[in-house]
Amino acid sequence: MTGPDILDDTTGDYDRLETELVAQDRDAARVAAADVDERSARRLVDELIEGDVVTPIPDHRILVHEPSSKPFESITQLAVFHRGWQAATDADAEDD
């Protein structure tokens, strides 16, 4: 036999392992946006309202995230969205 034995070739296993490790590193670096409870969401949205990042529209019972112009009916959804939006904005700034 002159070539490598196909049963001993572990290149595919190594590639899969490396891909999995890169994915785990990427996941670890991301912001955990889904871990927002009602209390922390309310506190974050209050801070965003004070900072003019979010505008409440009481007549329609919505909150508008000004940088993205997205309306939200739920404080928790707004908080999760803002955390993800902020993480993406920060990542874009680091890339530049």
C-alpha atoms as a PDB file:
ATOM      1  CA  MET A   1       0.000   0.000   0.000  1.00  0.00           C
ATOM      2  CA  THR A   2       1.573   3.253  -1.126  1.00  0.00           C
ATOM      3  CA  GLY A   3      -1.036   5.858  -0.058  1.00  0.00           C
ATOM      4  CA  PRO A   4      -2.534   6.686   3.317  1.00  0.00           C
ATOM      5  CA  ASP A   5      -5.122   4.249   4.600  1.00  0.00           C
ATOM      6  CA  ILE A   6      -8.575   5.782   4.231  1.00  0.00           C
ATOM      7  CA  LEU A   7      -9.628   4.365   7.614  1.00  0.00           C
ATOM      8  CA  ASP A   8      -6.729   6.112   9.366  1.00  0.00           C
ATOM      9  CA  ASP A   9      -7.477   9.503   7.801  1.00  0.00           C
ATOM     10  CA  THR A  10      -8.754  11.814  10.576  1.00  0.00           C
ATOM     11  CA  THR A  11      -8.734  15.061   8.596  1.00  0.00           C
ATOM     12  CA  GLY A  12     -12.548  15.245   8.527  1.00  0.00           C
ATOM     13  CA  ASP A  13     -12.763  14.688  12.292  1.00  0.00           C
ATOM     14  CA  TYR A  14     -10.226  17.434  12.920  1.00  0.00           C
ATOM     15  CA  ASP A  15     -12.099  19.852  10.645  1.00  0.00           C
ATOM     16  CA  ARG A  16     -15.395  19.155  12.439  1.00  0.00           C
ATOM     17  CA  LEU A  17     -13.758  19.605  15.847  1.00  0.00           C
ATOM     18  CA  GLU A  18     -12.136  22.868  14.800  1.00  0.00           C
ATOM     19  CA  THR A  19     -15.439  24.170  13.400  1.00  0.00           C
ATOM     20  CA  GLU A  20     -17.215  23.252  16.650  1.00  0.00           C
ATOM     21  CA  LEU A  21     -14.567  24.989  18.783  1.00  0.00           C
ATOM     22  CA  VAL A  22     -14.773  28.155  16.671  1.00  0.00           C
ATOM     23  CA  ALA A  23     -18.572  28.140  17.057  1.00  0.00           C
ATOM     24  CA  GLN A  24     -18.265  27.717  20.837  1.00  0.00           C
ATOM     25  CA  ASP A  25     -15.818  30.626  21.033  1.00  0.00           C
ATOM     26  CA  ARG A  26     -18.169  32.791  18.979  1.00  0.00           C
ATOM     27  CA  ASP A  27     -21.125  31.871  21.203  1.00  0.00           C
ATOM     28  CA  ALA A  28     -19.144  32.648  24.345  1.00  0.00           C
ATOM     29  CA  ALA A  29     -18.252  36.092  23.012  1.00  0.00           C
ATOM     30  CA  ARG A  30     -21.873  37.030  22.280  1.00  0.00           C
ATOM     31  CA  VAL A  31     -24.021  38.996  24.675  1.00  0.00           C
ATOM     32  CA  ALA A  32     -26.667  36.923  26.428  1.00  0.00           C
ATOM     33  CA  ALA A  33     -29.661  38.990  25.397  1.00  0.00           C
ATOM     34  CA  ALA A  34     -32.315  36.404  26.211  1.00  0.00           C
ATOM     35  CA  ASP A  35     -31.554  36.422  29.945  1.00  0.00           C
ATOM     36  CA  VAL A  36     -33.717  39.453  30.719  1.00  0.00           C
ATOM     37  CA  ASP A  37     -36.294  39.316  33.481  1.00  0.00           C
ATOM     38  CA  GLU A  38     -39.135  41.807  33.921  1.00  0.00           C
ATOM     39  CA  ARG A  39     -37.374  43.857  36.607  1.00  0.00           C
ATOM     40  CA  SER A  40     -34.104  44.281  34.714  1.00  0.00           C
ATOM     41  CA  ALA A  41     -36.027  44.999  31.485  1.00  0.00           C
ATOM     42  CA  ARG A  42     -38.003  47.750  33.198  1.00  0.00           C
ATOM     43  CA  ARG A  43     -34.836  49.250  34.690  1.00  0.00           C
ATOM     44  CA  LEU A  44     -33.050  49.201  31.307  1.00  0.00           C
ATOM     45  CA  VAL A  45     -36.011  50.729  29.466  1.00  0.00           C
ATOM     46  CA  ASP A  46     -36.327  53.461  32.111  1.00  0.00           C
ATOM     47  CA  GLU A  47     -32.642  54.303  31.550  1.00  0.00           C
ATOM     48  CA  LEU A  48     -33.165  54.307  27.786  1.00  0.00           C
ATOM     49  CA  ILE A  49     -36.151  56.647  28.119  1.00  0.00           C
ATOM     50  CA  GLU A  50     -34.094  59.020  30.286  1.00  0.00           C
ATOM     51  CA  GLY A  51     -31.291  58.888  27.715  1.00  0.00           C
ATOM     52  CA  ASP A  52     -33.689  59.667  24.827  1.00  0.00           C
ATOM     53  CA  VAL A  53     -32.924  56.324  23.188  1.00  0.00           C
ATOM     54  CA  VAL A  54     -36.525  55.160  23.621  1.00  0.00           C
ATOM     55  CA  THR A  55     -39.621  57.298  23.169  1.00  0.00           C
ATOM     56  CA  PRO A  56     -42.863  56.219  24.820  1.00  0.00           C
ATOM     57  CA  ILE A  57     -46.053  56.856  22.836  1.00  0.00           C
ATOM     58  CA  PRO A  58     -48.788  56.520  25.473  1.00  0.00           C
ATOM     59  CA  ASP A  59     -51.736  56.966  23.071  1.00  0.00           C
ATOM     60  CA  HIS A  60     -50.724  53.817  21.197  1.00  0.00           C
ATOM     61  CA  ARG A  61     -49.159  52.042  24.195  1.00  0.00           C
ATOM     62  CA  ILE A  62     -45.869  51.493  22.365  1.00  0.00           C
ATOM     63  CA  LEU A  63     -42.209  52.292  22.909  1.00  0.00           C
ATOM     64  CA  VAL A  64     -40.093  53.359  19.938  1.00  0.00           C
ATOM     65  CA  HIS A  65     -36.402  52.469  19.854  1.00  0.00           C
ATOM     66  CA  GLU A  66     -35.154  55.676  18.217  1.00  0.00           C
ATOM     67  CA  PRO A  67     -31.829  54.495  16.720  1.00  0.00           C
ATOM     68  CA  SER A  68     -33.604  51.729  14.785  1.00  0.00           C
ATOM     69  CA  SER A  69     -37.115  53.282  14.552  1.00  0.00           C
ATOM     70  CA  LYS A  70     -38.613  49.968  15.717  1.00  0.00           C
ATOM     71  CA  PRO A  71     -41.821  50.085  17.813  1.00  0.00           C
ATOM     72  CA  PHE A  72     -42.399  47.666  20.721  1.00  0.00           C
ATOM     73  CA  GLU A  73     -45.426  46.854  22.849  1.00  0.00           C
ATOM     74  CA  SER A  74     -43.440  44.782  25.349  1.00  0.00           C
ATOM     75  CA  ILE A  75     -40.803  46.184  27.674  1.00  0.00           C
ATOM     76  CA  THR A  76     -39.024  42.827  27.759  1.00  0.00           C
ATOM     77  CA  GLN A  77     -38.929  42.554  23.970  1.00  0.00           C
ATOM     78  CA  LEU A  78     -37.550  46.072  23.750  1.00  0.00           C
ATOM     79  CA  ALA A  79     -34.854  45.314  26.341  1.00  0.00           C
ATOM     80  CA  VAL A  80     -33.801  42.123  24.553  1.00  0.00           C
ATOM     81  CA  PHE A  81     -33.784  43.908  21.192  1.00  0.00           C
ATOM     82  CA  HIS A  82     -31.733  46.811  22.555  1.00  0.00           C
ATOM     83  CA  ARG A  83     -29.129  44.487  24.087  1.00  0.00           C
ATOM     84  CA  GLY A  84     -28.755  42.670  20.765  1.00  0.00           C
ATOM     85  CA  TRP A  85     -28.715  45.921  18.829  1.00  0.00           C
ATOM     86  CA  GLN A  86     -26.080  47.364  21.178  1.00  0.00           C
ATOM     87  CA  ALA A  87     -23.925  44.235  20.889  1.00  0.00           C
ATOM     88  CA  ALA A  88     -24.116  44.386  17.088  1.00  0.00           C
ATOM     89  CA  THR A  89     -23.303  48.095  17.094  1.00  0.00           C
ATOM     90  CA  ASP A  90     -20.323  47.534  19.391  1.00  0.00           C
ATOM     91  CA  ALA A  91     -19.075  44.649  17.220  1.00  0.00           C
ATOM     92  CA  ASP A  92     -19.341  46.817  14.100  1.00  0.00           C
ATOM     93  CA  ALA A  93     -17.393  49.588  15.817  1.00  0.00           C
ATOM     94  CA  GLU A  94     -14.628  47.140  16.774  1.00  0.00           C
ATOM     95  CA  ASP A  95     -14.403  45.897  13.180  1.00  0.00           C
ATOM     96  CA  ASP A  96     -13.803  49.424  11.839  1.00  0.00           C
END
